[in-house]
């Protein structure tokens, strides 16, 4: 058997790269990577893998990349705005709570999930 997991990409970037390849089939990967910046997930989480590593992933046709949550600090509180794709908010809360109970996060006093159906 064979398995594949192709990450989603921005349709405009992919279309522009395809047009460039149609115009010049010898377009180098570097030029294509200037157009296609990398995977594009529906969440606002940030891909933190360096561009050189993403380019290597495209060249080899295999690889992985890392994402991190989008957050801000507001009035001394950490507010998470977006989690990486397929990361469960409930699981993140559970892991943070376990670390708090183990006294590994002494700087945290409270943990709340203030998301709702409009702001998941």
PDB file of N, CA and C in Angstrom:
ATOM      1  N   UNK A   1       0.823  -1.188   0.000  1.00  0.00           N
ATOM      2  CA  UNK A   1       0.000   0.000   0.000  1.00  0.00           C
ATOM      3  C   UNK A   1       0.860   1.241   0.000  1.00  0.00           C
ATOM      4  N   UNK A   2       0.189   2.325  -0.227  1.00  0.00           N
ATOM      5  CA  UNK A   2       0.875   3.607  -0.273  1.00  0.00           C
ATOM      6  C   UNK A   2       0.011   4.650   0.419  1.00  0.00           C
ATOM      7  N   UNK A   3       0.624   5.532   1.151  1.00  0.00           N
ATOM      8  CA  UNK A   3      -0.100   6.607   1.818  1.00  0.00           C
ATOM      9  C   UNK A   3       0.516   7.937   1.421  1.00  0.00           C
ATOM     10  N   UNK A   4      -0.308   8.948   1.389  1.00  0.00           N
ATOM     11  CA  UNK A   4       0.191  10.286   1.077  1.00  0.00           C
ATOM     12  C   UNK A   4      -0.578  11.306   1.889  1.00  0.00           C
ATOM     13  N   UNK A   5       0.056  12.378   2.179  1.00  0.00           N
ATOM     14  CA  UNK A   5      -0.580  13.478   2.892  1.00  0.00           C
ATOM     15  C   UNK A   5       0.004  14.764   2.321  1.00  0.00           C
ATOM     16  N   UNK A   6      -0.668  15.314   1.336  1.00  0.00           N
ATOM     17  CA  UNK A   6      -0.205  16.538   0.690  1.00  0.00           C
ATOM     18  C   UNK A   6      -0.867  17.718   1.392  1.00  0.00           C
ATOM     19  N   UNK A   7      -0.084  18.616   1.953  1.00  0.00           N
ATOM     20  CA  UNK A   7      -0.681  19.753   2.653  1.00  0.00           C
ATOM     21  C   UNK A   7      -1.367  20.705   1.674  1.00  0.00           C
ATOM     22  N   UNK A   8      -2.372  21.441   2.152  1.00  0.00           N
ATOM     23  CA  UNK A   8      -3.045  22.397   1.277  1.00  0.00           C
ATOM     24  C   UNK A   8      -2.130  23.576   0.948  1.00  0.00           C
ATOM     25  N   UNK A   9      -2.351  24.151  -0.217  1.00  0.00           N
ATOM     26  CA  UNK A   9      -1.578  25.302  -0.674  1.00  0.00           C
ATOM     27  C   UNK A   9      -2.525  26.387  -1.177  1.00  0.00           C
ATOM     28  N   UNK A  10      -2.013  27.595  -1.284  1.00  0.00           N
ATOM     29  CA  UNK A  10      -2.780  28.723  -1.797  1.00  0.00           C
ATOM     30  C   UNK A  10      -3.009  28.530  -3.294  1.00  0.00           C
ATOM     31  N   UNK A  11      -4.274  28.531  -3.710  1.00  0.00           N
ATOM     32  CA  UNK A  11      -4.616  28.252  -5.101  1.00  0.00           C
ATOM     33  C   UNK A  11      -4.001  29.269  -6.059  1.00  0.00           C
ATOM     34  N   UNK A  12      -3.989  30.547  -5.686  1.00  0.00           N
ATOM     35  CA  UNK A  12      -3.412  31.574  -6.566  1.00  0.00           C
ATOM     36  C   UNK A  12      -1.921  31.343  -6.754  1.00  0.00           C
ATOM     37  N   UNK A  13      -1.213  31.032  -5.665  1.00  0.00           N
ATOM     38  CA  UNK A  13       0.224  30.766  -5.775  1.00  0.00           C
ATOM     39  C   UNK A  13       0.491  29.558  -6.668  1.00  0.00           C
ATOM     40  N   UNK A  14      -0.272  28.499  -6.490  1.00  0.00           N
ATOM     41  CA  UNK A  14      -0.087  27.295  -7.309  1.00  0.00           C
ATOM     42  C   UNK A  14      -0.394  27.594  -8.771  1.00  0.00           C
ATOM     43  N   UNK A  15      -1.466  28.342  -9.023  1.00  0.00           N
ATOM     44  CA  UNK A  15      -1.829  28.700 -10.405  1.00  0.00           C
ATOM     45  C   UNK A  15      -0.731  29.531 -11.055  1.00  0.00           C
ATOM     46  N   UNK A  16      -0.217  30.514 -10.327  1.00  0.00           N
ATOM     47  CA  UNK A  16       0.862  31.352 -10.866  1.00  0.00           C
ATOM     48  C   UNK A  16       2.112  30.518 -11.165  1.00  0.00           C
ATOM     49  N   UNK A  17       2.428  29.557 -10.288  1.00  0.00           N
ATOM     50  CA  UNK A  17       3.587  28.693 -10.519  1.00  0.00           C
ATOM     51  C   UNK A  17       3.362  27.800 -11.739  1.00  0.00           C
ATOM     52  N   UNK A  18       2.144  27.306 -11.910  1.00  0.00           N
ATOM     53  CA  UNK A  18       1.827  26.472 -13.084  1.00  0.00           C
ATOM     54  C   UNK A  18       1.957  27.270 -14.377  1.00  0.00           C
ATOM     55  N   UNK A  19       1.483  28.515 -14.355  1.00  0.00           N
ATOM     56  CA  UNK A  19       1.600  29.371 -15.545  1.00  0.00           C
ATOM     57  C   UNK A  19       3.073  29.599 -15.877  1.00  0.00           C
ATOM     58  N   UNK A  20       3.878  29.859 -14.859  1.00  0.00           N
ATOM     59  CA  UNK A  20       5.313  30.057 -15.075  1.00  0.00           C
ATOM     60  C   UNK A  20       5.948  28.798 -15.680  1.00  0.00           C
ATOM     61  N   UNK A  21       5.554  27.633 -15.187  1.00  0.00           N
ATOM     62  CA  UNK A  21       6.090  26.381 -15.736  1.00  0.00           C
ATOM     63  C   UNK A  21       5.632  26.146 -17.168  1.00  0.00           C
ATOM     64  N   UNK A  22       4.406  26.548 -17.487  1.00  0.00           N
ATOM     65  CA  UNK A  22       3.928  26.414 -18.864  1.00  0.00           C
ATOM     66  C   UNK A  22       4.710  27.333 -19.803  1.00  0.00           C
ATOM     67  N   UNK A  23       5.062  28.517 -19.309  1.00  0.00           N
ATOM     68  CA  UNK A  23       5.823  29.468 -20.114  1.00  0.00           C
ATOM     69  C   UNK A  23       7.284  29.044 -20.252  1.00  0.00           C
ATOM     70  N   UNK A  24       7.824  28.404 -19.215  1.00  0.00           N
ATOM     71  CA  UNK A  24       9.221  27.965 -19.235  1.00  0.00           C
ATOM     72  C   UNK A  24       9.337  26.692 -18.401  1.00  0.00           C
ATOM     73  N   UNK A  25       9.372  25.570 -19.065  1.00  0.00           N
ATOM     74  CA  UNK A  25       9.403  24.283 -18.361  1.00  0.00           C
ATOM     75  C   UNK A  25      10.706  24.059 -17.591  1.00  0.00           C
ATOM     76  N   UNK A  26      11.694  24.904 -17.831  1.00  0.00           N
ATOM     77  CA  UNK A  26      12.979  24.775 -17.129  1.00  0.00           C
ATOM     78  C   UNK A  26      13.093  25.760 -15.956  1.00  0.00           C
ATOM     79  N   UNK A  27      11.971  26.272 -15.507  1.00  0.00           N
ATOM     80  CA  UNK A  27      11.982  27.199 -14.377  1.00  0.00           C
ATOM     81  C   UNK A  27      12.598  26.502 -13.163  1.00  0.00           C
ATOM     82  N   UNK A  28      13.609  27.106 -12.551  1.00  0.00           N
ATOM     83  CA  UNK A  28      14.242  26.462 -11.392  1.00  0.00           C
ATOM     84  C   UNK A  28      13.319  26.464 -10.169  1.00  0.00           C
ATOM     85  N   UNK A  29      13.548  25.501  -9.315  1.00  0.00           N
ATOM     86  CA  UNK A  29      12.759  25.365  -8.093  1.00  0.00           C
ATOM     87  C   UNK A  29      12.802  26.640  -7.254  1.00  0.00           C
ATOM     88  N   UNK A  30      13.944  27.299  -7.226  1.00  0.00           N
ATOM     89  CA  UNK A  30      14.080  28.525  -6.439  1.00  0.00           C
ATOM     90  C   UNK A  30      13.059  29.570  -6.885  1.00  0.00           C
ATOM     91  N   UNK A  31      12.864  29.699  -8.195  1.00  0.00           N
ATOM     92  CA  UNK A  31      11.895  30.671  -8.722  1.00  0.00           C
ATOM     93  C   UNK A  31      10.472  30.267  -8.363  1.00  0.00           C
ATOM     94  N   UNK A  32      10.201  28.970  -8.396  1.00  0.00           N
ATOM     95  CA  UNK A  32       8.863  28.497  -8.027  1.00  0.00           C
ATOM     96  C   UNK A  32       8.590  28.734  -6.544  1.00  0.00           C
ATOM     97  N   UNK A  33       9.615  28.560  -5.720  1.00  0.00           N
ATOM     98  CA  UNK A  33       9.449  28.763  -4.277  1.00  0.00           C
ATOM     99  C   UNK A  33       9.295  30.238  -3.915  1.00  0.00           C
ATOM    100  N   UNK A  34       9.684  31.136  -4.806  1.00  0.00           N
ATOM    101  CA  UNK A  34       9.417  32.554  -4.578  1.00  0.00           C
ATOM    102  C   UNK A  34       7.928  32.841  -4.754  1.00  0.00           C
ATOM    103  N   UNK A  35       7.266  32.039  -5.578  1.00  0.00           N
ATOM    104  CA  UNK A  35       5.827  32.200  -5.816  1.00  0.00           C
ATOM    105  C   UNK A  35       5.029  31.418  -4.779  1.00  0.00           C
ATOM    106  N   UNK A  36       5.377  30.144  -4.614  1.00  0.00           N
ATOM    107  CA  UNK A  36       4.696  29.279  -3.643  1.00  0.00           C
ATOM    108  C   UNK A  36       5.522  29.322  -2.362  1.00  0.00           C
ATOM    109  N   UNK A  37       5.037  30.052  -1.378  1.00  0.00           N
ATOM    110  CA  UNK A  37       5.801  30.276  -0.146  1.00  0.00           C
ATOM    111  C   UNK A  37       5.865  29.034   0.737  1.00  0.00           C
ATOM    112  N   UNK A  38       4.906  28.127   0.557  1.00  0.00           N
ATOM    113  CA  UNK A  38       4.836  26.924   1.380  1.00  0.00           C
ATOM    114  C   UNK A  38       3.394  26.514   1.549  1.00  0.00           C
ATOM    115  N   UNK A  39       3.146  25.501   2.371  1.00  0.00           N
ATOM    116  CA  UNK A  39       1.769  25.079   2.622  1.00  0.00           C
ATOM    117  C   UNK A  39       0.936  26.231   3.182  1.00  0.00           C
ATOM    118  N   UNK A  40      -0.365  26.150   2.977  1.00  0.00           N
ATOM    119  CA  UNK A  40      -1.277  27.219   3.400  1.00  0.00           C
ATOM    120  C   UNK A  40      -2.497  26.577   4.051  1.00  0.00           C
ATOM    121  N   UNK A  41      -2.486  26.518   5.366  1.00  0.00           N
ATOM    122  CA  UNK A  41      -3.582  25.891   6.108  1.00  0.00           C
ATOM    123  C   UNK A  41      -4.674  26.899   6.434  1.00  0.00           C
ATOM    124  N   UNK A  42      -5.897  26.408   6.680  1.00  0.00           N
ATOM    125  CA  UNK A  42      -7.013  27.314   6.954  1.00  0.00           C
ATOM    126  C   UNK A  42      -6.909  28.034   8.299  1.00  0.00           C
ATOM    127  N   UNK A  43      -6.076  27.557   9.203  1.00  0.00           N
ATOM    128  CA  UNK A  43      -5.919  28.258  10.479  1.00  0.00           C
ATOM    129  C   UNK A  43      -4.868  29.355  10.315  1.00  0.00           C
ATOM    130  N   UNK A  44      -4.802  30.230  11.275  1.00  0.00           N
ATOM    131  CA  UNK A  44      -3.829  31.324  11.214  1.00  0.00           C
ATOM    132  C   UNK A  44      -2.507  30.946  11.879  1.00  0.00           C
ATOM    133  N   UNK A  45      -2.331  29.668  12.195  1.00  0.00           N
ATOM    134  CA  UNK A  45      -1.078  29.224  12.795  1.00  0.00           C
ATOM    135  C   UNK A  45       0.067  29.465  11.810  1.00  0.00           C
ATOM    136  N   UNK A  46       1.243  29.678  12.362  1.00  0.00           N
ATOM    137  CA  UNK A  46       2.402  30.062  11.558  1.00  0.00           C
ATOM    138  C   UNK A  46       3.302  28.858  11.266  1.00  0.00           C
ATOM    139  N   UNK A  47       3.743  28.740  10.026  1.00  0.00           N
ATOM    140  CA  UNK A  47       4.734  27.723   9.670  1.00  0.00           C
ATOM    141  C   UNK A  47       6.100  28.300  10.021  1.00  0.00           C
ATOM    142  N   UNK A  48       6.822  27.614  10.898  1.00  0.00           N
ATOM    143  CA  UNK A  48       8.097  28.144  11.393  1.00  0.00           C
ATOM    144  C   UNK A  48       9.309  27.437  10.779  1.00  0.00           C
ATOM    145  N   UNK A  49       9.072  26.519   9.875  1.00  0.00           N
ATOM    146  CA  UNK A  49      10.167  25.849   9.173  1.00  0.00           C
ATOM    147  C   UNK A  49      10.847  26.857   8.247  1.00  0.00           C
ATOM    148  N   UNK A  50      12.172  26.937   8.264  1.00  0.00           N
ATOM    149  CA  UNK A  50      12.869  27.894   7.397  1.00  0.00           C
ATOM    150  C   UNK A  50      12.574  27.637   5.914  1.00  0.00           C
ATOM    151  N   UNK A  51      12.531  28.705   5.107  1.00  0.00           N
ATOM    152  CA  UNK A  51      12.251  28.558   3.672  1.00  0.00           C
ATOM    153  C   UNK A  51      13.193  27.580   2.969  1.00  0.00           C
ATOM    154  N   UNK A  52      14.465  27.537   3.392  1.00  0.00           N
ATOM    155  CA  UNK A  52      15.416  26.617   2.762  1.00  0.00           C
ATOM    156  C   UNK A  52      14.988  25.163   2.977  1.00  0.00           C
ATOM    157  N   UNK A  53      14.452  24.874   4.164  1.00  0.00           N
ATOM    158  CA  UNK A  53      14.000  23.510   4.456  1.00  0.00           C
ATOM    159  C   UNK A  53      12.733  23.175   3.677  1.00  0.00           C
ATOM    160  N   UNK A  54      11.853  24.164   3.501  1.00  0.00           N
ATOM    161  CA  UNK A  54      10.655  23.940   2.685  1.00  0.00           C
ATOM    162  C   UNK A  54      11.060  23.660   1.240  1.00  0.00           C
ATOM    163  N   UNK A  55      12.040  24.404   0.747  1.00  0.00           N
ATOM    164  CA  UNK A  55      12.510  24.200  -0.625  1.00  0.00           C
ATOM    165  C   UNK A  55      13.093  22.794  -0.782  1.00  0.00           C
ATOM    166  N   UNK A  56      13.834  22.341   0.213  1.00  0.00           N
ATOM    167  CA  UNK A  56      14.390  20.985   0.179  1.00  0.00           C
ATOM    168  C   UNK A  56      13.257  19.954   0.168  1.00  0.00           C
ATOM    169  N   UNK A  57      12.206  20.218   0.942  1.00  0.00           N
ATOM    170  CA  UNK A  57      11.053  19.320   0.977  1.00  0.00           C
ATOM    171  C   UNK A  57      10.417  19.212  -0.407  1.00  0.00           C
ATOM    172  N   UNK A  58      10.274  20.341  -1.089  1.00  0.00           N
ATOM    173  CA  UNK A  58       9.704  20.324  -2.440  1.00  0.00           C
ATOM    174  C   UNK A  58      10.632  19.603  -3.421  1.00  0.00           C
ATOM    175  N   UNK A  59      11.935  19.792  -3.266  1.00  0.00           N
ATOM    176  CA  UNK A  59      12.893  19.148  -4.173  1.00  0.00           C
ATOM    177  C   UNK A  59      12.878  17.627  -4.022  1.00  0.00           C
ATOM    178  N   UNK A  60      12.779  17.161  -2.782  1.00  0.00           N
ATOM    179  CA  UNK A  60      12.814  15.724  -2.518  1.00  0.00           C
ATOM    180  C   UNK A  60      11.447  15.058  -2.675  1.00  0.00           C
ATOM    181  N   UNK A  61      10.392  15.850  -2.532  1.00  0.00           N
ATOM    182  CA  UNK A  61       9.047  15.278  -2.601  1.00  0.00           C
ATOM    183  C   UNK A  61       8.613  14.624  -1.307  1.00  0.00           C
ATOM    184  N   UNK A  62       9.384  14.819  -0.260  1.00  0.00           N
ATOM    185  CA  UNK A  62       9.048  14.267   1.047  1.00  0.00           C
ATOM    186  C   UNK A  62       9.647  15.171   2.117  1.00  0.00           C
ATOM    187  N   UNK A  63       9.084  15.115   3.295  1.00  0.00           N
ATOM    188  CA  UNK A  63       9.606  15.930   4.380  1.00  0.00           C
ATOM    189  C   UNK A  63       8.512  16.339   5.332  1.00  0.00           C
ATOM    190  N   UNK A  64       8.867  17.202   6.240  1.00  0.00           N
ATOM    191  CA  UNK A  64       7.900  17.687   7.218  1.00  0.00           C
ATOM    192  C   UNK A  64       8.220  19.139   7.541  1.00  0.00           C
ATOM    193  N   UNK A  65       7.297  19.765   8.215  1.00  0.00           N
ATOM    194  CA  UNK A  65       7.489  21.152   8.622  1.00  0.00           C
ATOM    195  C   UNK A  65       6.796  21.350   9.954  1.00  0.00           C
ATOM    196  N   UNK A  66       7.156  22.435  10.631  1.00  0.00           N
ATOM    197  CA  UNK A  66       6.604  22.718  11.961  1.00  0.00           C
ATOM    198  C   UNK A  66       5.725  23.962  11.909  1.00  0.00           C
ATOM    199  N   UNK A  67       4.684  23.917  12.737  1.00  0.00           N
ATOM    200  CA  UNK A  67       3.781  25.058  12.863  1.00  0.00           C
ATOM    201  C   UNK A  67       3.699  25.433  14.339  1.00  0.00           C
ATOM    202  N   UNK A  68       3.362  26.696  14.602  1.00  0.00           N
ATOM    203  CA  UNK A  68       3.146  27.094  15.989  1.00  0.00           C
ATOM    204  C   UNK A  68       1.876  27.926  16.077  1.00  0.00           C
ATOM    205  N   UNK A  69       1.311  27.926  17.257  1.00  0.00           N
ATOM    206  CA  UNK A  69       0.077  28.664  17.507  1.00  0.00           C
ATOM    207  C   UNK A  69       0.321  30.159  17.365  1.00  0.00           C
ATOM    208  N   UNK A  70      -0.732  30.868  17.013  1.00  0.00           N
ATOM    209  CA  UNK A  70      -0.696  32.327  16.969  1.00  0.00           C
ATOM    210  C   UNK A  70      -1.239  32.817  18.309  1.00  0.00           C
ATOM    211  N   UNK A  71      -0.471  33.637  19.013  1.00  0.00           N
ATOM    212  CA  UNK A  71      -0.902  34.107  20.328  1.00  0.00           C
ATOM    213  C   UNK A  71      -0.412  35.535  20.567  1.00  0.00           C
ATOM    214  N   UNK A  72      -1.019  36.171  21.536  1.00  0.00           N
ATOM    215  CA  UNK A  72      -0.569  37.482  21.997  1.00  0.00           C
ATOM    216  C   UNK A  72      -0.593  37.475  23.525  1.00  0.00           C
ATOM    217  N   UNK A  73       0.086  38.431  24.118  1.00  0.00           N
ATOM    218  CA  UNK A  73       0.025  38.629  25.561  1.00  0.00           C
ATOM    219  C   UNK A  73      -0.741  39.923  25.782  1.00  0.00           C
ATOM    220  N   UNK A  74      -1.883  39.807  26.462  1.00  0.00           N
ATOM    221  CA  UNK A  74      -2.754  40.959  26.705  1.00  0.00           C
ATOM    222  C   UNK A  74      -2.962  41.114  28.206  1.00  0.00           C
ATOM    223  N   UNK A  75      -2.500  42.214  28.756  1.00  0.00           N
ATOM    224  CA  UNK A  75      -2.635  42.487  30.191  1.00  0.00           C
ATOM    225  C   UNK A  75      -2.107  41.337  31.044  1.00  0.00           C
ATOM    226  N   UNK A  76      -0.961  40.804  30.674  1.00  0.00           N
ATOM    227  CA  UNK A  76      -0.352  39.722  31.432  1.00  0.00           C
ATOM    228  C   UNK A  76      -0.965  38.352  31.194  1.00  0.00           C
ATOM    229  N   UNK A  77      -1.895  38.249  30.254  1.00  0.00           N
ATOM    230  CA  UNK A  77      -2.536  36.969  29.945  1.00  0.00           C
ATOM    231  C   UNK A  77      -2.133  36.511  28.549  1.00  0.00           C
ATOM    232  N   UNK A  78      -1.874  35.227  28.408  1.00  0.00           N
ATOM    233  CA  UNK A  78      -1.558  34.652  27.100  1.00  0.00           C
ATOM    234  C   UNK A  78      -2.876  34.298  26.428  1.00  0.00           C
ATOM    235  N   UNK A  79      -3.101  34.879  25.258  1.00  0.00           N
ATOM    236  CA  UNK A  79      -4.328  34.621  24.500  1.00  0.00           C
ATOM    237  C   UNK A  79      -3.937  33.900  23.215  1.00  0.00           C
ATOM    238  N   UNK A  80      -4.414  32.666  23.073  1.00  0.00           N
ATOM    239  CA  UNK A  80      -4.119  31.879  21.875  1.00  0.00           C
ATOM    240  C   UNK A  80      -5.224  32.140  20.863  1.00  0.00           C
ATOM    241  N   UNK A  81      -4.837  32.618  19.680  1.00  0.00           N
ATOM    242  CA  UNK A  81      -5.803  32.964  18.637  1.00  0.00           C
ATOM    243  C   UNK A  81      -6.011  31.837  17.634  1.00  0.00           C
ATOM    244  N   UNK A  82      -4.980  31.046  17.379  1.00  0.00           N
ATOM    245  CA  UNK A  82      -5.093  29.963  16.397  1.00  0.00           C
ATOM    246  C   UNK A  82      -4.105  28.858  16.741  1.00  0.00           C
ATOM    247  N   UNK A  83      -4.573  27.632  16.627  1.00  0.00           N
ATOM    248  CA  UNK A  83      -3.727  26.460  16.842  1.00  0.00           C
ATOM    249  C   UNK A  83      -3.323  25.877  15.495  1.00  0.00           C
ATOM    250  N   UNK A  84      -2.218  25.157  15.451  1.00  0.00           N
ATOM    251  CA  UNK A  84      -1.847  24.485  14.203  1.00  0.00           C
ATOM    252  C   UNK A  84      -2.949  23.533  13.739  1.00  0.00           C
ATOM    253  N   UNK A  85      -2.951  23.265  12.473  1.00  0.00           N
ATOM    254  CA  UNK A  85      -3.946  22.399  11.846  1.00  0.00           C
ATOM    255  C   UNK A  85      -4.037  21.052  12.559  1.00  0.00           C
ATOM    256  N   UNK A  86      -5.231  20.623  12.860  1.00  0.00           N
ATOM    257  CA  UNK A  86      -5.569  19.356  13.504  1.00  0.00           C
ATOM    258  C   UNK A  86      -5.051  19.233  14.932  1.00  0.00           C
ATOM    259  N   UNK A  87      -4.713  20.336  15.574  1.00  0.00           N
ATOM    260  CA  UNK A  87      -4.341  20.313  16.985  1.00  0.00           C
ATOM    261  C   UNK A  87      -5.608  20.592  17.783  1.00  0.00           C
ATOM    262  N   UNK A  88      -5.884  19.737  18.736  1.00  0.00           N
ATOM    263  CA  UNK A  88      -7.094  19.852  19.544  1.00  0.00           C
ATOM    264  C   UNK A  88      -6.894  20.854  20.678  1.00  0.00           C
ATOM    265  N   UNK A  89      -7.777  21.835  20.744  1.00  0.00           N
ATOM    266  CA  UNK A  89      -7.719  22.808  21.830  1.00  0.00           C
ATOM    267  C   UNK A  89      -7.890  22.139  23.180  1.00  0.00           C
ATOM    268  N   UNK A  90      -8.779  21.152  23.246  1.00  0.00           N
ATOM    269  CA  UNK A  90      -9.001  20.428  24.501  1.00  0.00           C
ATOM    270  C   UNK A  90      -7.731  19.703  24.935  1.00  0.00           C
ATOM    271  N   UNK A  91      -7.029  19.127  23.992  1.00  0.00           N
ATOM    272  CA  UNK A  91      -5.788  18.405  24.310  1.00  0.00           C
ATOM    273  C   UNK A  91      -4.704  19.377  24.790  1.00  0.00           C
ATOM    274  N   UNK A  92      -4.624  20.540  24.168  1.00  0.00           N
ATOM    275  CA  UNK A  92      -3.650  21.553  24.602  1.00  0.00           C
ATOM    276  C   UNK A  92      -3.954  21.976  26.037  1.00  0.00           C
ATOM    277  N   UNK A  93      -5.227  22.241  26.332  1.00  0.00           N
ATOM    278  CA  UNK A  93      -5.616  22.621  27.696  1.00  0.00           C
ATOM    279  C   UNK A  93      -5.258  21.515  28.690  1.00  0.00           C
ATOM    280  N   UNK A  94      -5.514  20.280  28.305  1.00  0.00           N
ATOM    281  CA  UNK A  94      -5.209  19.138  29.169  1.00  0.00           C
ATOM    282  C   UNK A  94      -3.709  19.058  29.452  1.00  0.00           C
ATOM    283  N   UNK A  95      -2.894  19.243  28.428  1.00  0.00           N
ATOM    284  CA  UNK A  95      -1.445  19.163  28.611  1.00  0.00           C
ATOM    285  C   UNK A  95      -0.928  20.312  29.473  1.00  0.00           C
ATOM    286  N   UNK A  96      -1.463  21.507  29.271  1.00  0.00           N
ATOM    287  CA  UNK A  96      -1.047  22.647  30.101  1.00  0.00           C
ATOM    288  C   UNK A  96      -1.448  22.406  31.549  1.00  0.00           C
ATOM    289  N   UNK A  97      -2.673  21.904  31.769  1.00  0.00           N
ATOM    290  CA  UNK A  97      -3.149  21.621  33.131  1.00  0.00           C
ATOM    291  C   UNK A  97      -2.249  20.591  33.814  1.00  0.00           C
ATOM    292  N   UNK A  98      -1.836  19.563  33.090  1.00  0.00           N
ATOM    293  CA  UNK A  98      -0.939  18.552  33.660  1.00  0.00           C
ATOM    294  C   UNK A  98       0.391  19.177  34.070  1.00  0.00           C
ATOM    295  N   UNK A  99       0.914  20.066  33.236  1.00  0.00           N
ATOM    296  CA  UNK A  99       2.177  20.736  33.556  1.00  0.00           C
ATOM    297  C   UNK A  99       2.019  21.662  34.762  1.00  0.00           C
ATOM    298  N   UNK A 100       0.853  22.313  34.869  1.00  0.00           N
ATOM    299  CA  UNK A 100       0.591  23.178  36.025  1.00  0.00           C
ATOM    300  C   UNK A 100       0.521  22.347  37.305  1.00  0.00           C
ATOM    301  N   UNK A 101      -0.154  21.200  37.251  1.00  0.00           N
ATOM    302  CA  UNK A 101      -0.265  20.331  38.428  1.00  0.00           C
ATOM    303  C   UNK A 101       1.095  19.777  38.838  1.00  0.00           C
ATOM    304  N   UNK A 102       1.950  19.542  37.871  1.00  0.00           N
ATOM    305  CA  UNK A 102       3.296  19.039  38.156  1.00  0.00           C
ATOM    306  C   UNK A 102       4.243  20.165  38.580  1.00  0.00           C
ATOM    307  N   UNK A 103       3.703  21.375  38.717  1.00  0.00           N
ATOM    308  CA  UNK A 103       4.479  22.550  39.150  1.00  0.00           C
ATOM    309  C   UNK A 103       5.597  22.902  38.176  1.00  0.00           C
ATOM    310  N   UNK A 104       5.399  22.576  36.894  1.00  0.00           N
ATOM    311  CA  UNK A 104       6.408  22.895  35.881  1.00  0.00           C
ATOM    312  C   UNK A 104       6.141  24.236  35.205  1.00  0.00           C
ATOM    313  N   UNK A 105       4.998  24.831  35.499  1.00  0.00           N
ATOM    314  CA  UNK A 105       4.658  26.149  34.950  1.00  0.00           C
ATOM    315  C   UNK A 105       4.233  27.066  36.095  1.00  0.00           C
ATOM    316  N   UNK A 106       5.162  27.390  37.008  1.00  0.00           N
ATOM    317  CA  UNK A 106       4.786  28.186  38.182  1.00  0.00           C
ATOM    318  C   UNK A 106       4.317  29.600  37.842  1.00  0.00           C
ATOM    319  N   UNK A 107       4.647  30.071  36.643  1.00  0.00           N
ATOM    320  CA  UNK A 107       4.242  31.425  36.274  1.00  0.00           C
ATOM    321  C   UNK A 107       2.765  31.499  35.893  1.00  0.00           C
ATOM    322  N   UNK A 108       2.120  30.351  35.685  1.00  0.00           N
ATOM    323  CA  UNK A 108       0.697  30.327  35.333  1.00  0.00           C
ATOM    324  C   UNK A 108      -0.144  30.137  36.584  1.00  0.00           C
ATOM    325  N   UNK A 109      -1.167  30.978  36.716  1.00  0.00           N
ATOM    326  CA  UNK A 109      -2.054  30.896  37.870  1.00  0.00           C
ATOM    327  C   UNK A 109      -3.405  30.300  37.523  1.00  0.00           C
ATOM    328  N   UNK A 110      -3.856  30.486  36.277  1.00  0.00           N
ATOM    329  CA  UNK A 110      -5.202  30.075  35.896  1.00  0.00           C
ATOM    330  C   UNK A 110      -5.188  29.632  34.438  1.00  0.00           C
ATOM    331  N   UNK A 111      -6.150  28.792  34.090  1.00  0.00           N
ATOM    332  CA  UNK A 111      -6.269  28.277  32.731  1.00  0.00           C
ATOM    333  C   UNK A 111      -7.746  28.235  32.378  1.00  0.00           C
ATOM    334  N   UNK A 112      -8.124  28.936  31.300  1.00  0.00           N
ATOM    335  CA  UNK A 112      -9.533  28.986  30.887  1.00  0.00           C
ATOM    336  C   UNK A 112      -9.641  28.846  29.382  1.00  0.00           C
ATOM    337  N   UNK A 113     -10.725  28.207  28.956  1.00  0.00           N
ATOM    338  CA  UNK A 113     -11.065  28.127  27.534  1.00  0.00           C
ATOM    339  C   UNK A 113     -12.209  29.104  27.306  1.00  0.00           C
ATOM    340  N   UNK A 114     -11.912  30.219  26.679  1.00  0.00           N
ATOM    341  CA  UNK A 114     -12.927  31.239  26.436  1.00  0.00           C
ATOM    342  C   UNK A 114     -13.410  31.232  24.995  1.00  0.00           C
ATOM    343  N   UNK A 115     -13.154  30.140  24.293  1.00  0.00           N
ATOM    344  CA  UNK A 115     -13.622  30.046  22.909  1.00  0.00           C
ATOM    345  C   UNK A 115     -15.113  29.717  22.895  1.00  0.00           C
ATOM    346  N   UNK A 116     -15.744  30.035  21.770  1.00  0.00           N
ATOM    347  CA  UNK A 116     -17.147  29.685  21.561  1.00  0.00           C
ATOM    348  C   UNK A 116     -17.334  29.347  20.089  1.00  0.00           C
ATOM    349  N   UNK A 117     -18.571  29.123  19.659  1.00  0.00           N
ATOM    350  CA  UNK A 117     -18.790  28.706  18.272  1.00  0.00           C
ATOM    351  C   UNK A 117     -18.427  29.793  17.265  1.00  0.00           C
ATOM    352  N   UNK A 118     -18.404  31.054  17.679  1.00  0.00           N
ATOM    353  CA  UNK A 118     -18.020  32.141  16.772  1.00  0.00           C
ATOM    354  C   UNK A 118     -16.517  32.390  16.792  1.00  0.00           C
ATOM    355  N   UNK A 119     -15.886  32.075  17.893  1.00  0.00           N
ATOM    356  CA  UNK A 119     -14.438  32.235  18.046  1.00  0.00           C
ATOM    357  C   UNK A 119     -13.854  30.936  18.582  1.00  0.00           C
ATOM    358  N   UNK A 120     -13.743  29.923  17.722  1.00  0.00           N
ATOM    359  CA  UNK A 120     -13.284  28.609  18.211  1.00  0.00           C
ATOM    360  C   UNK A 120     -11.831  28.614  18.643  1.00  0.00           C
TER     361      UNK A 120
END
